């Protein structure tokens, strides 16, 4: 692959990323990053902003902004850690649990990316993306 083809590949990936993020937010009603924070908290029960930032590889300032929005929208609750009063814990509200259940009931992969892709296509794509991500860590 020459430089021109590589640039075209990267540009196409950038455009695809934007289109998928916009489509996800339109279908689900929340940004992918915020939804990923909700999923992370669903799996861990509660966490600190720093732990969320590190686990999801999101900038700390961006994580703080996302958590503020999630709190304002009623998806998360912040509380002081009883064992360490300086630490703030973030946990899901009942509204967030309801949203997860709604998404599981009402949303399929095809709703987000369409019917053009087979199960094998998607597994191959996941495999390639994992390979890219491992290469750039």
Foldseek 3Di string as FASTA:
>chain_A
DDPVVVVVVVVVVVVVVVLLQVLVCVVLVDGPLLLVLLVVQVVVQKDFLVVSCVVVVHPSVVSVVSLVVCVVVQQWDWDADPVHRVTIMIGGDVVSVVSVVCCVVPPDPCSRVNDPDDPVRVVVVVVVVVVVVVVVD
